[in-house]
């Protein structure tokens, strides 16, 4: 398949990083608002001893983190496959996610992109660092899903 140019309109890594921080503030606020009434103090780090006591790694801790990460992945995939083609952070930074034909992503492609971020993170964030050095500003997750982050 021939790749249609996205007009060298690739977003910089700094713009993407700023969007990431904005999104995590938004998602953190949403999760806190949802979790506080349901879980109270147990949602966070139990008694500030989290790094030092393995008893905190019980099923409830693992299940809370699984639910949190699932929510984040679904948020990103839904927003990036919406008519906005971007999360709230990307909208604020004036960038969006497109496929190789400069078209919006469908939900399965957006989900693949965001699940692939687990790999980008797991290999010491090298999948994210690639953005700095790549001519088309693609991270590993972008390469896996064949997507681009471009200026609007």
N, C-alpha and C. Protein backbone atom coordinates (compact mmCIF):
# COMPACT_ATOMS: atom_id res chain seq x y z
N UNK A 1 0.82 -1.18 0.00
CA UNK A 1 0.00 0.00 0.00
C UNK A 1 0.87 1.24 0.00
N UNK A 2 0.47 2.20 -0.75
CA UNK A 2 1.20 3.46 -0.82
C UNK A 2 0.80 4.35 0.35
N UNK A 3 1.80 4.93 0.97
CA UNK A 3 1.54 5.83 2.09
C UNK A 3 1.37 7.24 1.55
N UNK A 4 0.25 7.84 1.88
CA UNK A 4 0.00 9.22 1.48
C UNK A 4 0.65 10.13 2.51
N UNK A 5 1.38 11.09 2.06
CA UNK A 5 2.10 11.98 2.96
C UNK A 5 1.15 12.75 3.87
N UNK A 6 1.60 12.95 5.09
CA UNK A 6 0.84 13.79 6.01
C UNK A 6 1.46 15.19 6.03
N UNK A 7 2.11 15.53 4.92
CA UNK A 7 2.64 16.88 4.67
C UNK A 7 3.69 17.34 5.67
N UNK A 8 4.49 16.45 6.16
CA UNK A 8 5.54 16.81 7.12
C UNK A 8 5.02 17.72 8.22
N UNK A 9 3.83 17.49 8.64
CA UNK A 9 3.18 18.29 9.66
C UNK A 9 3.24 17.57 11.01
N UNK A 10 4.31 16.80 11.24
CA UNK A 10 4.41 15.98 12.44
C UNK A 10 4.56 16.83 13.69
N UNK A 11 3.94 16.37 14.75
CA UNK A 11 4.03 17.08 16.02
C UNK A 11 5.36 16.81 16.68
N UNK A 12 5.88 17.81 17.36
CA UNK A 12 7.15 17.65 18.08
C UNK A 12 6.93 16.80 19.33
N UNK A 13 8.02 16.24 19.81
CA UNK A 13 7.96 15.46 21.03
C UNK A 13 7.56 16.29 22.24
N UNK A 14 7.98 17.55 22.27
CA UNK A 14 7.63 18.42 23.40
C UNK A 14 6.14 18.72 23.45
N UNK A 15 5.55 18.93 22.30
CA UNK A 15 4.11 19.18 22.24
C UNK A 15 3.34 17.95 22.70
N UNK A 16 3.82 16.77 22.28
CA UNK A 16 3.19 15.51 22.69
C UNK A 16 3.36 15.29 24.18
N UNK A 17 4.52 15.63 24.72
CA UNK A 17 4.76 15.47 26.16
C UNK A 17 3.85 16.39 26.96
N UNK A 18 3.67 17.62 26.51
CA UNK A 18 2.76 18.54 27.19
C UNK A 18 1.33 18.01 27.16
N UNK A 19 0.91 17.45 26.03
CA UNK A 19 -0.42 16.86 25.92
C UNK A 19 -0.57 15.69 26.89
N UNK A 20 0.48 14.89 27.03
CA UNK A 20 0.48 13.77 27.96
C UNK A 20 0.24 14.25 29.39
N UNK A 21 0.93 15.31 29.81
CA UNK A 21 0.75 15.83 31.17
C UNK A 21 -0.66 16.37 31.38
N UNK A 22 -1.19 17.07 30.39
CA UNK A 22 -2.56 17.58 30.49
C UNK A 22 -3.54 16.43 30.62
N UNK A 23 -3.37 15.41 29.79
CA UNK A 23 -4.27 14.25 29.84
C UNK A 23 -4.20 13.54 31.18
N UNK A 24 -3.01 13.43 31.75
CA UNK A 24 -2.92 12.75 33.03
C UNK A 24 -3.51 13.57 34.17
N UNK A 25 -3.50 14.86 34.07
CA UNK A 25 -4.21 15.68 35.05
C UNK A 25 -5.72 15.46 34.92
N UNK A 26 -6.21 15.45 33.69
CA UNK A 26 -7.64 15.25 33.45
C UNK A 26 -8.07 13.86 33.92
N UNK A 27 -7.34 12.84 33.48
CA UNK A 27 -7.69 11.46 33.85
C UNK A 27 -7.57 11.27 35.36
N UNK A 28 -6.54 11.84 35.96
CA UNK A 28 -6.38 11.73 37.41
C UNK A 28 -7.54 12.35 38.16
N UNK A 29 -8.01 13.50 37.67
CA UNK A 29 -9.15 14.15 38.32
C UNK A 29 -10.41 13.31 38.17
N UNK A 30 -10.61 12.75 36.99
CA UNK A 30 -11.80 11.91 36.76
C UNK A 30 -11.74 10.67 37.64
N UNK A 31 -10.59 10.00 37.65
CA UNK A 31 -10.47 8.79 38.47
C UNK A 31 -10.63 9.09 39.95
N UNK A 32 -10.07 10.18 40.40
CA UNK A 32 -10.22 10.55 41.80
C UNK A 32 -11.68 10.83 42.14
N UNK A 33 -12.36 11.54 41.27
CA UNK A 33 -13.78 11.84 41.51
C UNK A 33 -14.62 10.57 41.54
N UNK A 34 -14.29 9.61 40.70
CA UNK A 34 -15.03 8.35 40.68
C UNK A 34 -14.66 7.44 41.85
N UNK A 35 -13.39 7.41 42.19
CA UNK A 35 -12.91 6.46 43.17
C UNK A 35 -13.14 6.89 44.61
N UNK A 36 -13.08 8.16 44.87
CA UNK A 36 -13.21 8.63 46.26
C UNK A 36 -14.47 8.12 46.94
N UNK A 37 -15.65 8.29 46.34
CA UNK A 37 -16.86 7.80 47.01
C UNK A 37 -16.90 6.28 47.12
N UNK A 38 -16.28 5.60 46.17
CA UNK A 38 -16.34 4.14 46.16
C UNK A 38 -15.28 3.49 47.04
N UNK A 39 -14.07 4.04 47.02
CA UNK A 39 -12.95 3.38 47.67
C UNK A 39 -12.33 4.16 48.81
N UNK A 40 -12.62 5.44 48.89
CA UNK A 40 -12.05 6.25 49.96
C UNK A 40 -10.54 6.26 49.91
N UNK A 41 -9.91 6.24 51.07
CA UNK A 41 -8.45 6.32 51.14
C UNK A 41 -7.76 5.12 50.52
N UNK A 42 -8.43 4.00 50.43
CA UNK A 42 -7.78 2.79 49.91
C UNK A 42 -7.46 2.89 48.42
N UNK A 43 -7.93 3.93 47.75
CA UNK A 43 -7.63 4.10 46.33
C UNK A 43 -6.17 4.43 46.10
N UNK A 44 -5.57 5.16 47.02
CA UNK A 44 -4.20 5.62 46.84
C UNK A 44 -3.20 4.68 47.47
N UNK A 45 -2.08 5.24 47.86
CA UNK A 45 -1.04 4.46 48.51
C UNK A 45 -1.44 4.28 49.97
N UNK A 46 -1.57 3.04 50.39
CA UNK A 46 -2.04 2.74 51.73
C UNK A 46 -1.04 3.23 52.78
N UNK A 47 -1.45 4.19 53.59
CA UNK A 47 -0.69 4.67 54.75
C UNK A 47 0.70 5.19 54.42
N UNK A 48 0.94 5.65 53.24
CA UNK A 48 2.24 6.19 52.84
C UNK A 48 3.39 5.18 52.94
N UNK A 49 3.09 3.94 53.23
CA UNK A 49 4.13 2.91 53.36
C UNK A 49 4.22 2.05 52.11
N UNK A 50 3.58 2.47 51.08
CA UNK A 50 3.45 1.66 49.87
C UNK A 50 4.77 1.03 49.39
N UNK A 51 5.85 1.78 49.24
CA UNK A 51 7.04 1.14 48.65
C UNK A 51 7.70 0.11 49.56
N UNK A 52 7.38 0.14 50.85
CA UNK A 52 8.16 -0.64 51.81
C UNK A 52 7.45 -1.88 52.34
N UNK A 53 6.17 -2.01 52.11
CA UNK A 53 5.43 -3.14 52.66
C UNK A 53 4.75 -3.93 51.56
N UNK A 54 5.21 -5.15 51.38
CA UNK A 54 4.66 -5.99 50.32
C UNK A 54 3.21 -6.38 50.56
N UNK A 55 2.74 -6.27 51.80
CA UNK A 55 1.34 -6.65 52.04
C UNK A 55 0.38 -5.74 51.26
N UNK A 56 0.85 -4.59 50.81
CA UNK A 56 0.00 -3.71 50.02
C UNK A 56 -0.23 -4.25 48.60
N UNK A 57 0.57 -5.22 48.19
CA UNK A 57 0.41 -5.80 46.86
C UNK A 57 -0.59 -6.94 46.91
N UNK A 58 -1.74 -6.68 47.45
CA UNK A 58 -2.77 -7.70 47.50
C UNK A 58 -3.65 -7.60 46.25
N UNK A 59 -4.62 -8.47 46.17
CA UNK A 59 -5.46 -8.50 44.98
C UNK A 59 -6.18 -7.17 44.76
N UNK A 60 -6.61 -6.53 45.84
CA UNK A 60 -7.34 -5.28 45.66
C UNK A 60 -6.44 -4.20 45.05
N UNK A 61 -5.18 -4.16 45.43
CA UNK A 61 -4.25 -3.19 44.84
C UNK A 61 -4.07 -3.48 43.35
N UNK A 62 -3.86 -4.74 43.02
CA UNK A 62 -3.66 -5.13 41.62
C UNK A 62 -4.92 -4.85 40.81
N UNK A 63 -6.08 -5.19 41.35
CA UNK A 63 -7.32 -4.96 40.61
C UNK A 63 -7.60 -3.47 40.44
N UNK A 64 -7.28 -2.64 41.43
CA UNK A 64 -7.47 -1.19 41.29
C UNK A 64 -6.58 -0.65 40.18
N UNK A 65 -5.34 -1.09 40.13
CA UNK A 65 -4.44 -0.62 39.09
C UNK A 65 -4.86 -1.12 37.72
N UNK A 66 -5.34 -2.34 37.65
CA UNK A 66 -5.83 -2.87 36.38
C UNK A 66 -7.01 -2.04 35.88
N UNK A 67 -7.94 -1.73 36.77
CA UNK A 67 -9.10 -0.91 36.39
C UNK A 67 -8.66 0.49 35.96
N UNK A 68 -7.71 1.06 36.67
CA UNK A 68 -7.20 2.40 36.34
C UNK A 68 -6.56 2.39 34.96
N UNK A 69 -5.69 1.44 34.69
CA UNK A 69 -5.01 1.38 33.40
C UNK A 69 -5.99 1.08 32.27
N UNK A 70 -6.98 0.25 32.53
CA UNK A 70 -8.01 -0.03 31.52
C UNK A 70 -8.78 1.23 31.20
N UNK A 71 -9.14 2.01 32.22
CA UNK A 71 -9.85 3.26 32.00
C UNK A 71 -9.02 4.21 31.14
N UNK A 72 -7.72 4.31 31.44
CA UNK A 72 -6.84 5.21 30.70
C UNK A 72 -6.75 4.79 29.23
N UNK A 73 -6.57 3.51 28.98
CA UNK A 73 -6.47 3.02 27.60
C UNK A 73 -7.77 3.26 26.85
N UNK A 74 -8.89 3.01 27.49
CA UNK A 74 -10.19 3.23 26.83
C UNK A 74 -10.41 4.72 26.57
N UNK A 75 -10.05 5.58 27.53
CA UNK A 75 -10.17 7.03 27.34
C UNK A 75 -9.39 7.47 26.09
N UNK A 76 -8.12 7.07 26.02
CA UNK A 76 -7.29 7.46 24.88
C UNK A 76 -7.87 6.92 23.57
N UNK A 77 -8.25 5.65 23.55
CA UNK A 77 -8.75 5.04 22.32
C UNK A 77 -10.07 5.69 21.87
N UNK A 78 -10.97 5.94 22.81
CA UNK A 78 -12.24 6.58 22.45
C UNK A 78 -12.03 7.99 21.93
N UNK A 79 -11.20 8.75 22.60
CA UNK A 79 -10.97 10.14 22.17
C UNK A 79 -10.24 10.20 20.83
N UNK A 80 -9.24 9.33 20.64
CA UNK A 80 -8.47 9.38 19.40
C UNK A 80 -9.24 8.83 18.21
N UNK A 81 -10.29 8.04 18.47
CA UNK A 81 -11.13 7.55 17.37
C UNK A 81 -12.40 8.38 17.22
N UNK A 82 -12.53 9.43 18.00
CA UNK A 82 -13.70 10.31 17.91
C UNK A 82 -13.52 11.31 16.77
N UNK A 83 -14.51 12.16 16.60
CA UNK A 83 -14.42 13.18 15.55
C UNK A 83 -13.29 14.18 15.81
N UNK A 84 -12.84 14.28 17.07
CA UNK A 84 -11.76 15.21 17.42
C UNK A 84 -10.39 14.64 17.07
N UNK A 85 -10.28 13.32 16.98
CA UNK A 85 -9.03 12.62 16.67
C UNK A 85 -7.96 12.90 17.70
N UNK A 86 -8.35 13.27 18.89
CA UNK A 86 -7.38 13.68 19.90
C UNK A 86 -7.98 13.58 21.29
N UNK A 87 -7.11 13.41 22.27
CA UNK A 87 -7.52 13.49 23.66
C UNK A 87 -7.64 14.97 24.03
N UNK A 88 -8.11 15.24 25.24
CA UNK A 88 -8.24 16.64 25.66
C UNK A 88 -6.88 17.34 25.69
N UNK A 89 -5.85 16.64 26.09
CA UNK A 89 -4.50 17.22 26.09
C UNK A 89 -4.02 17.52 24.69
N UNK A 90 -4.27 16.62 23.76
CA UNK A 90 -3.87 16.85 22.36
C UNK A 90 -4.66 18.01 21.76
N UNK A 91 -5.94 18.09 22.09
CA UNK A 91 -6.75 19.22 21.61
C UNK A 91 -6.15 20.53 22.12
N UNK A 92 -5.81 20.57 23.40
CA UNK A 92 -5.23 21.78 23.99
C UNK A 92 -3.91 22.15 23.33
N UNK A 93 -3.15 21.16 22.88
CA UNK A 93 -1.85 21.41 22.26
C UNK A 93 -1.94 21.53 20.73
N UNK A 94 -3.15 21.41 20.18
CA UNK A 94 -3.33 21.60 18.74
C UNK A 94 -2.77 20.47 17.89
N UNK A 95 -2.87 19.23 18.40
CA UNK A 95 -2.40 18.08 17.64
C UNK A 95 -3.49 17.02 17.58
N UNK A 96 -3.34 16.08 16.65
CA UNK A 96 -4.31 14.99 16.52
C UNK A 96 -3.60 13.76 15.99
N UNK A 97 -4.28 12.61 16.06
CA UNK A 97 -3.73 11.34 15.61
C UNK A 97 -4.43 10.94 14.31
N UNK A 98 -3.62 10.56 13.32
CA UNK A 98 -4.17 10.14 12.01
C UNK A 98 -3.52 8.83 11.59
N UNK A 99 -4.15 8.17 10.63
CA UNK A 99 -3.53 6.97 10.07
C UNK A 99 -2.61 7.36 8.92
N UNK A 100 -2.04 6.38 8.24
CA UNK A 100 -1.06 6.68 7.19
C UNK A 100 -1.65 7.41 6.00
N UNK A 101 -2.98 7.39 5.87
CA UNK A 101 -3.66 8.11 4.79
C UNK A 101 -4.19 9.46 5.24
N UNK A 102 -3.72 9.90 6.40
CA UNK A 102 -4.14 11.18 6.98
C UNK A 102 -5.64 11.21 7.29
N UNK A 103 -6.19 10.05 7.63
CA UNK A 103 -7.60 9.90 7.96
C UNK A 103 -7.75 9.59 9.46
N UNK A 104 -8.94 9.82 10.00
CA UNK A 104 -9.17 9.49 11.42
C UNK A 104 -8.99 7.99 11.67
N UNK A 105 -8.66 7.66 12.91
CA UNK A 105 -8.52 6.26 13.31
C UNK A 105 -9.88 5.68 13.62
N UNK A 106 -10.07 4.40 13.32
CA UNK A 106 -11.24 3.71 13.83
C UNK A 106 -10.88 3.19 15.24
N UNK A 107 -11.88 2.74 15.98
CA UNK A 107 -11.63 2.34 17.36
C UNK A 107 -10.62 1.20 17.49
N UNK A 108 -10.72 0.13 16.67
CA UNK A 108 -9.71 -0.93 16.82
C UNK A 108 -8.27 -0.45 16.60
N UNK A 109 -8.06 0.43 15.64
CA UNK A 109 -6.71 0.97 15.39
C UNK A 109 -6.26 1.84 16.57
N UNK A 110 -7.16 2.65 17.10
CA UNK A 110 -6.83 3.48 18.27
C UNK A 110 -6.54 2.61 19.49
N UNK A 111 -7.30 1.53 19.64
CA UNK A 111 -7.06 0.61 20.75
C UNK A 111 -5.71 -0.08 20.61
N UNK A 112 -5.38 -0.52 19.40
CA UNK A 112 -4.07 -1.13 19.14
C UNK A 112 -2.95 -0.15 19.48
N UNK A 113 -3.10 1.08 19.04
CA UNK A 113 -2.08 2.11 19.31
C UNK A 113 -1.85 2.26 20.81
N UNK A 114 -2.95 2.32 21.56
CA UNK A 114 -2.83 2.58 22.98
C UNK A 114 -2.41 1.35 23.77
N UNK A 115 -2.79 0.17 23.35
CA UNK A 115 -2.27 -1.04 23.98
C UNK A 115 -0.77 -1.19 23.70
N UNK A 116 -0.34 -0.76 22.54
CA UNK A 116 1.08 -0.83 22.19
C UNK A 116 1.94 0.09 23.06
N UNK A 117 1.31 1.08 23.68
CA UNK A 117 2.06 1.96 24.57
C UNK A 117 2.62 1.19 25.77
N UNK A 118 1.98 0.08 26.11
CA UNK A 118 2.49 -0.75 27.20
C UNK A 118 3.89 -1.24 26.83
N UNK A 119 4.08 -1.66 25.60
CA UNK A 119 5.39 -2.10 25.13
C UNK A 119 6.37 -0.93 25.07
N UNK A 120 5.91 0.22 24.57
CA UNK A 120 6.78 1.40 24.51
C UNK A 120 7.30 1.76 25.90
N UNK A 121 6.47 1.61 26.90
CA UNK A 121 6.85 1.91 28.28
C UNK A 121 7.71 0.80 28.88
N UNK A 122 7.34 -0.45 28.60
CA UNK A 122 7.98 -1.60 29.24
C UNK A 122 9.46 -1.74 28.86
N UNK A 123 9.85 -1.26 27.71
CA UNK A 123 11.25 -1.38 27.30
C UNK A 123 12.00 -0.08 27.64
N UNK A 124 11.88 0.29 28.92
CA UNK A 124 12.58 1.46 29.47
C UNK A 124 12.24 2.75 28.73
N UNK A 125 11.01 2.85 28.27
CA UNK A 125 10.49 4.03 27.56
C UNK A 125 11.21 4.30 26.24
N UNK A 126 11.95 3.33 25.74
CA UNK A 126 12.64 3.51 24.47
C UNK A 126 11.62 3.76 23.35
N UNK A 127 10.45 3.14 23.46
CA UNK A 127 9.41 3.37 22.46
C UNK A 127 8.96 4.81 22.39
N UNK A 128 9.07 5.52 23.50
CA UNK A 128 8.75 6.95 23.52
C UNK A 128 9.95 7.80 23.09
N UNK A 129 11.13 7.39 23.51
CA UNK A 129 12.34 8.13 23.17
C UNK A 129 12.55 8.14 21.65
N UNK A 130 12.08 7.11 20.97
CA UNK A 130 12.19 7.03 19.51
C UNK A 130 11.61 8.26 18.83
N UNK A 131 10.60 8.87 19.44
CA UNK A 131 9.93 10.04 18.86
C UNK A 131 10.94 11.16 18.59
N UNK A 132 11.89 11.31 19.48
CA UNK A 132 12.89 12.38 19.35
C UNK A 132 13.74 12.19 18.10
N UNK A 133 14.08 10.95 17.80
CA UNK A 133 15.05 10.66 16.74
C UNK A 133 14.43 10.27 15.40
N UNK A 134 13.15 9.98 15.38
CA UNK A 134 12.49 9.51 14.16
C UNK A 134 12.14 10.69 13.26
N UNK A 135 12.37 10.55 11.96
CA UNK A 135 12.06 11.61 11.00
C UNK A 135 10.58 11.97 10.97
N UNK A 136 9.73 10.96 11.19
CA UNK A 136 8.28 11.20 11.16
C UNK A 136 7.69 11.30 12.56
N UNK A 137 8.56 11.43 13.55
CA UNK A 137 8.17 11.63 14.95
C UNK A 137 7.23 10.53 15.46
N UNK A 138 7.52 9.28 15.07
CA UNK A 138 6.72 8.15 15.51
C UNK A 138 7.41 7.44 16.67
N UNK A 139 6.61 7.10 17.67
CA UNK A 139 7.08 6.22 18.73
C UNK A 139 6.83 4.78 18.30
N UNK A 140 7.29 3.84 19.10
CA UNK A 140 7.09 2.43 18.77
C UNK A 140 5.61 2.11 18.61
N UNK A 141 4.78 2.65 19.50
CA UNK A 141 3.34 2.40 19.42
C UNK A 141 2.74 2.98 18.13
N UNK A 142 3.27 4.10 17.65
CA UNK A 142 2.81 4.66 16.37
C UNK A 142 3.23 3.76 15.22
N UNK A 143 4.43 3.23 15.28
CA UNK A 143 4.91 2.34 14.21
C UNK A 143 4.11 1.05 14.17
N UNK A 144 3.80 0.50 15.35
CA UNK A 144 3.01 -0.73 15.42
C UNK A 144 1.63 -0.52 14.81
N UNK A 145 0.99 0.60 15.15
CA UNK A 145 -0.37 0.87 14.67
C UNK A 145 -0.38 1.62 13.34
N UNK A 146 0.79 2.02 12.84
CA UNK A 146 0.90 2.77 11.59
C UNK A 146 0.12 4.08 11.66
N UNK A 147 0.41 4.85 12.73
CA UNK A 147 -0.26 6.12 12.96
C UNK A 147 0.75 7.24 13.08
N UNK A 148 0.24 8.47 13.00
CA UNK A 148 1.08 9.66 13.12
C UNK A 148 0.36 10.68 14.01
N UNK A 149 1.14 11.47 14.73
CA UNK A 149 0.58 12.58 15.49
C UNK A 149 1.00 13.84 14.74
N UNK A 150 -0.01 14.61 14.31
CA UNK A 150 0.25 15.77 13.46
C UNK A 150 -0.37 17.02 14.07
N UNK A 151 0.13 18.17 13.63
CA UNK A 151 -0.47 19.44 14.05
C UNK A 151 -1.81 19.60 13.33
N UNK A 152 -2.76 20.20 14.03
CA UNK A 152 -4.09 20.41 13.44
C UNK A 152 -4.08 21.55 12.44
